[in-house]
C-alpha atoms as a PDB file:
ATOM      1  CA  UNK A   1     104.270 -16.109 -34.961  1.00  0.00           C
ATOM      2  CA  UNK A   2     105.136 -19.280 -33.076  1.00  0.00           C
ATOM      3  CA  UNK A   3     108.465 -20.316 -31.567  1.00  0.00           C
ATOM      4  CA  UNK A   4     109.518 -23.890 -31.000  1.00  0.00           C
ATOM      5  CA  UNK A   5     113.039 -25.038 -30.196  1.00  0.00           C
ATOM      6  CA  UNK A   6     114.452 -21.676 -31.230  1.00  0.00           C
ATOM      7  CA  UNK A   7     112.835 -21.770 -34.688  1.00  0.00           C
ATOM      8  CA  UNK A   8     110.341 -19.099 -35.673  1.00  0.00           C
ATOM      9  CA  UNK A   9     107.353 -19.882 -37.848  1.00  0.00           C
ATOM     10  CA  UNK A  10     105.227 -17.176 -39.427  1.00  0.00           C
ATOM     11  CA  UNK A  11     101.694 -18.056 -40.432  1.00  0.00           C
ATOM     12  CA  UNK A  12     100.053 -15.670 -42.855  1.00  0.00           C
ATOM     13  CA  UNK A  13      96.342 -14.828 -42.573  1.00  0.00           C
ATOM     14  CA  UNK A  14      95.724 -16.973 -45.676  1.00  0.00           C
ATOM     15  CA  UNK A  15      97.654 -19.839 -44.071  1.00  0.00           C
ATOM     16  CA  UNK A  16      95.550 -19.497 -40.914  1.00  0.00           C
ATOM     17  CA  UNK A  17      92.355 -19.703 -43.007  1.00  0.00           C
ATOM     18  CA  UNK A  18      93.620 -22.894 -44.632  1.00  0.00           C
ATOM     19  CA  UNK A  19      94.484 -24.404 -41.246  1.00  0.00           C
ATOM     20  CA  UNK A  20      91.094 -23.456 -39.785  1.00  0.00           C
ATOM     21  CA  UNK A  21      89.397 -24.953 -42.844  1.00  0.00           C
ATOM     22  CA  UNK A  22      91.240 -28.216 -42.203  1.00  0.00           C
ATOM     23  CA  UNK A  23      90.105 -28.257 -38.570  1.00  0.00           C
ATOM     24  CA  UNK A  24      86.470 -27.205 -38.867  1.00  0.00           C
ATOM     25  CA  UNK A  25      84.958 -30.680 -39.306  1.00  0.00           C
ATOM     26  CA  UNK A  26      86.996 -31.993 -36.356  1.00  0.00           C
ATOM     27  CA  UNK A  27      85.784 -29.163 -34.112  1.00  0.00           C
ATOM     28  CA  UNK A  28      82.164 -29.625 -35.211  1.00  0.00           C
ATOM     29  CA  UNK A  29      82.341 -33.401 -34.649  1.00  0.00           C
ATOM     30  CA  UNK A  30      83.703 -32.821 -31.139  1.00  0.00           C
ATOM     31  CA  UNK A  31      80.733 -30.559 -30.381  1.00  0.00           C
ATOM     32  CA  UNK A  32      78.275 -33.186 -31.617  1.00  0.00           C
ATOM     33  CA  UNK A  33      80.030 -35.873 -29.565  1.00  0.00           C
ATOM     34  CA  UNK A  34      79.937 -33.764 -26.398  1.00  0.00           C
ATOM     35  CA  UNK A  35      76.220 -33.061 -26.879  1.00  0.00           C
ATOM     36  CA  UNK A  36      75.654 -36.781 -27.508  1.00  0.00           C
ATOM     37  CA  UNK A  37      77.339 -37.729 -24.221  1.00  0.00           C
ATOM     38  CA  UNK A  38      74.802 -35.800 -22.120  1.00  0.00           C
ATOM     39  CA  UNK A  39      72.648 -38.456 -20.410  1.00  0.00           C
ATOM     40  CA  UNK A  40      69.090 -38.282 -21.755  1.00  0.00           C
ATOM     41  CA  UNK A  41      67.614 -38.859 -18.291  1.00  0.00           C
ATOM     42  CA  UNK A  42      69.303 -35.684 -17.006  1.00  0.00           C
ATOM     43  CA  UNK A  43      68.894 -33.257 -19.922  1.00  0.00           C
ATOM     44  CA  UNK A  44      68.940 -32.827 -23.675  1.00  0.00           C
ATOM     45  CA  UNK A  45      71.671 -30.897 -25.476  1.00  0.00           C
ATOM     46  CA  UNK A  46      72.401 -29.557 -28.916  1.00  0.00           C
ATOM     47  CA  UNK A  47      75.492 -28.363 -30.750  1.00  0.00           C
ATOM     48  CA  UNK A  48      75.681 -25.336 -33.036  1.00  0.00           C
ATOM     49  CA  UNK A  49      78.540 -24.805 -35.478  1.00  0.00           C
ATOM     50  CA  UNK A  50      79.885 -21.275 -35.890  1.00  0.00           C
ATOM     51  CA  UNK A  51      82.916 -19.374 -37.111  1.00  0.00           C
ATOM     52  CA  UNK A  52      84.163 -16.688 -34.691  1.00  0.00           C
ATOM     53  CA  UNK A  53      85.213 -13.157 -35.625  1.00  0.00           C
ATOM     54  CA  UNK A  54      88.794 -14.360 -36.187  1.00  0.00           C
ATOM     55  CA  UNK A  55      87.723 -17.084 -38.624  1.00  0.00           C
ATOM     56  CA  UNK A  56      88.171 -19.948 -36.151  1.00  0.00           C
ATOM     57  CA  UNK A  57      85.675 -22.823 -36.167  1.00  0.00           C
ATOM     58  CA  UNK A  58      83.637 -23.034 -32.955  1.00  0.00           C
ATOM     59  CA  UNK A  59      81.138 -25.609 -31.688  1.00  0.00           C
ATOM     60  CA  UNK A  60      78.707 -24.222 -29.106  1.00  0.00           C
ATOM     61  CA  UNK A  61      77.085 -26.910 -26.950  1.00  0.00           C
ATOM     62  CA  UNK A  62      74.095 -26.030 -24.771  1.00  0.00           C
ATOM     63  CA  UNK A  63      71.586 -27.803 -22.571  1.00  0.00           C
ATOM     64  CA  UNK A  64      68.151 -27.230 -24.106  1.00  0.00           C
ATOM     65  CA  UNK A  65      66.184 -27.660 -20.892  1.00  0.00           C
ATOM     66  CA  UNK A  66      64.596 -24.518 -19.387  1.00  0.00           C
ATOM     67  CA  UNK A  67      66.571 -25.182 -16.201  1.00  0.00           C
ATOM     68  CA  UNK A  68      69.789 -26.108 -18.042  1.00  0.00           C
ATOM     69  CA  UNK A  69      71.894 -23.663 -16.045  1.00  0.00           C
ATOM     70  CA  UNK A  70      70.744 -25.244 -12.766  1.00  0.00           C
ATOM     71  CA  UNK A  71      71.395 -28.738 -14.151  1.00  0.00           C
ATOM     72  CA  UNK A  72      74.937 -27.716 -15.146  1.00  0.00           C
ATOM     73  CA  UNK A  73      75.523 -26.103 -11.745  1.00  0.00           C
ATOM     74  CA  UNK A  74      74.269 -29.148  -9.817  1.00  0.00           C
ATOM     75  CA  UNK A  75      75.599 -32.035 -11.942  1.00  0.00           C
ATOM     76  CA  UNK A  76      78.336 -30.500 -14.137  1.00  0.00           C
ATOM     77  CA  UNK A  77      76.694 -32.268 -17.056  1.00  0.00           C
ATOM     78  CA  UNK A  78      78.423 -30.423 -19.911  1.00  0.00           C
ATOM     79  CA  UNK A  79      81.733 -30.281 -18.063  1.00  0.00           C
ATOM     80  CA  UNK A  80      81.669 -34.035 -17.512  1.00  0.00           C
ATOM     81  CA  UNK A  81      80.622 -34.740 -21.105  1.00  0.00           C
ATOM     82  CA  UNK A  82      83.415 -32.554 -22.472  1.00  0.00           C
ATOM     83  CA  UNK A  83      86.017 -34.168 -20.196  1.00  0.00           C
ATOM     84  CA  UNK A  84      84.851 -37.658 -21.228  1.00  0.00           C
ATOM     85  CA  UNK A  85      85.304 -36.602 -24.861  1.00  0.00           C
ATOM     86  CA  UNK A  86      88.895 -35.613 -24.103  1.00  0.00           C
ATOM     87  CA  UNK A  87      88.527 -31.834 -23.929  1.00  0.00           C
ATOM     88  CA  UNK A  88      90.847 -29.923 -21.610  1.00  0.00           C
ATOM     89  CA  UNK A  89      88.302 -28.592 -19.109  1.00  0.00           C
ATOM     90  CA  UNK A  90      89.478 -25.997 -16.592  1.00  0.00           C
ATOM     91  CA  UNK A  91      88.352 -22.749 -15.038  1.00  0.00           C
ATOM     92  CA  UNK A  92      89.650 -19.432 -16.272  1.00  0.00           C
ATOM     93  CA  UNK A  93      92.048 -17.725 -13.875  1.00  0.00           C
ATOM     94  CA  UNK A  94      90.475 -15.061 -11.677  1.00  0.00           C
ATOM     95  CA  UNK A  95      90.447 -11.572 -13.114  1.00  0.00           C
ATOM     96  CA  UNK A  96      90.196 -12.641 -16.710  1.00  0.00           C
END
């Protein structure tokens, strides 16, 4: 249920599936674009398209280098690529 300006909107599970189906190609394209923004001289990246346990489309982007975690920690490569693509990039609050 969502509230906006005092109005209540109920989305049924079937309605949610329809909405997620409309968004899946957009989410997958964003994942490909983020992977494509990773500079080739720093690392290579790939994007994998999934559907989570709630039926939501998900694009997982990963650095494919053996030391990808160190590259991300040092350069923020995926964070920067996602921000350049327009994603809202922020840390989770502590304790989550």
